[in-house]
C-alpha atoms as a PDB file:
ATOM      1  CA  UNK A   1       0.000   0.000   0.000  1.00  0.00           C
ATOM      2  CA  UNK A   2       1.412   3.367  -0.937  1.00  0.00           C
ATOM      3  CA  UNK A   3       1.487   6.202   1.511  1.00  0.00           C
ATOM      4  CA  UNK A   4      -0.330   9.498   1.193  1.00  0.00           C
ATOM      5  CA  UNK A   5       2.929  11.313   0.459  1.00  0.00           C
ATOM      6  CA  UNK A   6       3.667   9.025  -2.490  1.00  0.00           C
ATOM      7  CA  UNK A   7       0.178   9.530  -3.875  1.00  0.00           C
ATOM      8  CA  UNK A   8       0.457  13.301  -3.576  1.00  0.00           C
ATOM      9  CA  UNK A   9       3.818  13.229  -5.313  1.00  0.00           C
ATOM     10  CA  UNK A  10       2.390  11.157  -8.172  1.00  0.00           C
ATOM     11  CA  UNK A  11      -0.511  13.597  -8.437  1.00  0.00           C
ATOM     12  CA  UNK A  12       1.895  16.534  -8.649  1.00  0.00           C
ATOM     13  CA  UNK A  13       3.906  14.821 -11.393  1.00  0.00           C
ATOM     14  CA  UNK A  14       0.876  13.888 -13.482  1.00  0.00           C
ATOM     15  CA  UNK A  15      -1.232  16.971 -12.776  1.00  0.00           C
ATOM     16  CA  UNK A  16      -1.910  18.053 -16.366  1.00  0.00           C
ATOM     17  CA  UNK A  17      -2.443  14.518 -17.620  1.00  0.00           C
ATOM     18  CA  UNK A  18      -4.988  13.807 -14.917  1.00  0.00           C
ATOM     19  CA  UNK A  19      -6.710  17.114 -15.552  1.00  0.00           C
ATOM     20  CA  UNK A  20      -6.936  16.335 -19.279  1.00  0.00           C
ATOM     21  CA  UNK A  21      -8.392  12.898 -18.467  1.00  0.00           C
ATOM     22  CA  UNK A  22     -10.998  14.451 -16.178  1.00  0.00           C
ATOM     23  CA  UNK A  23     -11.975  17.138 -18.689  1.00  0.00           C
ATOM     24  CA  UNK A  24     -12.279  14.599 -21.502  1.00  0.00           C
ATOM     25  CA  UNK A  25     -14.489  12.348 -19.376  1.00  0.00           C
ATOM     26  CA  UNK A  26     -16.747  15.186 -18.244  1.00  0.00           C
ATOM     27  CA  UNK A  27     -17.151  16.573 -21.769  1.00  0.00           C
ATOM     28  CA  UNK A  28     -17.825  13.143 -23.307  1.00  0.00           C
ATOM     29  CA  UNK A  29     -20.400  12.079 -20.732  1.00  0.00           C
ATOM     30  CA  UNK A  30     -22.122  15.470 -20.885  1.00  0.00           C
ATOM     31  CA  UNK A  31     -22.326  15.425 -24.683  1.00  0.00           C
ATOM     32  CA  UNK A  32     -23.695  11.887 -24.806  1.00  0.00           C
ATOM     33  CA  UNK A  33     -26.225  12.651 -22.075  1.00  0.00           C
ATOM     34  CA  UNK A  34     -27.432  15.842 -23.783  1.00  0.00           C
ATOM     35  CA  UNK A  35     -27.703  14.126 -27.165  1.00  0.00           C
ATOM     36  CA  UNK A  36     -29.712  11.216 -25.781  1.00  0.00           C
ATOM     37  CA  UNK A  37     -31.980  13.438 -23.712  1.00  0.00           C
ATOM     38  CA  UNK A  38     -32.738  15.459 -26.849  1.00  0.00           C
ATOM     39  CA  UNK A  39     -33.139  12.507 -29.226  1.00  0.00           C
ATOM     40  CA  UNK A  40     -34.624  10.089 -26.676  1.00  0.00           C
ATOM     41  CA  UNK A  41     -32.585   7.248 -28.119  1.00  0.00           C
ATOM     42  CA  UNK A  42     -32.689   3.643 -26.914  1.00  0.00           C
ATOM     43  CA  UNK A  43     -30.885   2.709 -23.714  1.00  0.00           C
ATOM     44  CA  UNK A  44     -28.550   0.233 -25.440  1.00  0.00           C
ATOM     45  CA  UNK A  45     -27.322   2.953 -27.812  1.00  0.00           C
ATOM     46  CA  UNK A  46     -26.670   5.259 -24.856  1.00  0.00           C
ATOM     47  CA  UNK A  47     -24.422   2.660 -23.246  1.00  0.00           C
ATOM     48  CA  UNK A  48     -22.772   1.945 -26.585  1.00  0.00           C
ATOM     49  CA  UNK A  49     -21.870   5.625 -26.937  1.00  0.00           C
ATOM     50  CA  UNK A  50     -20.529   5.669 -23.391  1.00  0.00           C
ATOM     51  CA  UNK A  51     -18.354   2.660 -24.256  1.00  0.00           C
ATOM     52  CA  UNK A  52     -17.243   4.403 -27.442  1.00  0.00           C
ATOM     53  CA  UNK A  53     -15.919   7.169 -25.191  1.00  0.00           C
ATOM     54  CA  UNK A  54     -13.243   4.790 -23.940  1.00  0.00           C
ATOM     55  CA  UNK A  55     -12.150   4.077 -27.491  1.00  0.00           C
ATOM     56  CA  UNK A  56     -12.312   7.783 -28.360  1.00  0.00           C
ATOM     57  CA  UNK A  57     -10.207   8.628 -25.320  1.00  0.00           C
ATOM     58  CA  UNK A  58      -7.394   6.247 -26.201  1.00  0.00           C
ATOM     59  CA  UNK A  59      -7.568   7.173 -29.886  1.00  0.00           C
ATOM     60  CA  UNK A  60      -7.420  10.906 -29.169  1.00  0.00           C
ATOM     61  CA  UNK A  61      -4.505  10.736 -26.772  1.00  0.00           C
ATOM     62  CA  UNK A  62      -2.605   8.203 -28.903  1.00  0.00           C
ATOM     63  CA  UNK A  63      -2.871  10.502 -31.913  1.00  0.00           C
ATOM     64  CA  UNK A  64      -1.848  13.448 -29.750  1.00  0.00           C
ATOM     65  CA  UNK A  65       1.270  11.575 -28.597  1.00  0.00           C
ATOM     66  CA  UNK A  66       2.043  10.585 -32.179  1.00  0.00           C
ATOM     67  CA  UNK A  67       1.737  14.182 -33.375  1.00  0.00           C
ATOM     68  CA  UNK A  68       4.022  15.379 -30.577  1.00  0.00           C
ATOM     69  CA  UNK A  69       6.646  12.751 -31.360  1.00  0.00           C
ATOM     70  CA  UNK A  70       6.717  13.711 -35.066  1.00  0.00           C
ATOM     71  CA  UNK A  71       7.558  17.342 -34.307  1.00  0.00           C
END
């Protein structure tokens, strides 16, 4: 089990990455929720779009890393 100090240190090191993860998650879930409230789509499609957010997350940040490495 890691101590509180180690966790705080890890949080300080990864601050912007964790913030980007949080913002992406909040924006994705909000967009999907607003779209499905407006369209009144089926429940299975709602969950499918939420699952697609995981794929979108990894795809977005992988392409971002690739673009940074090519510069």
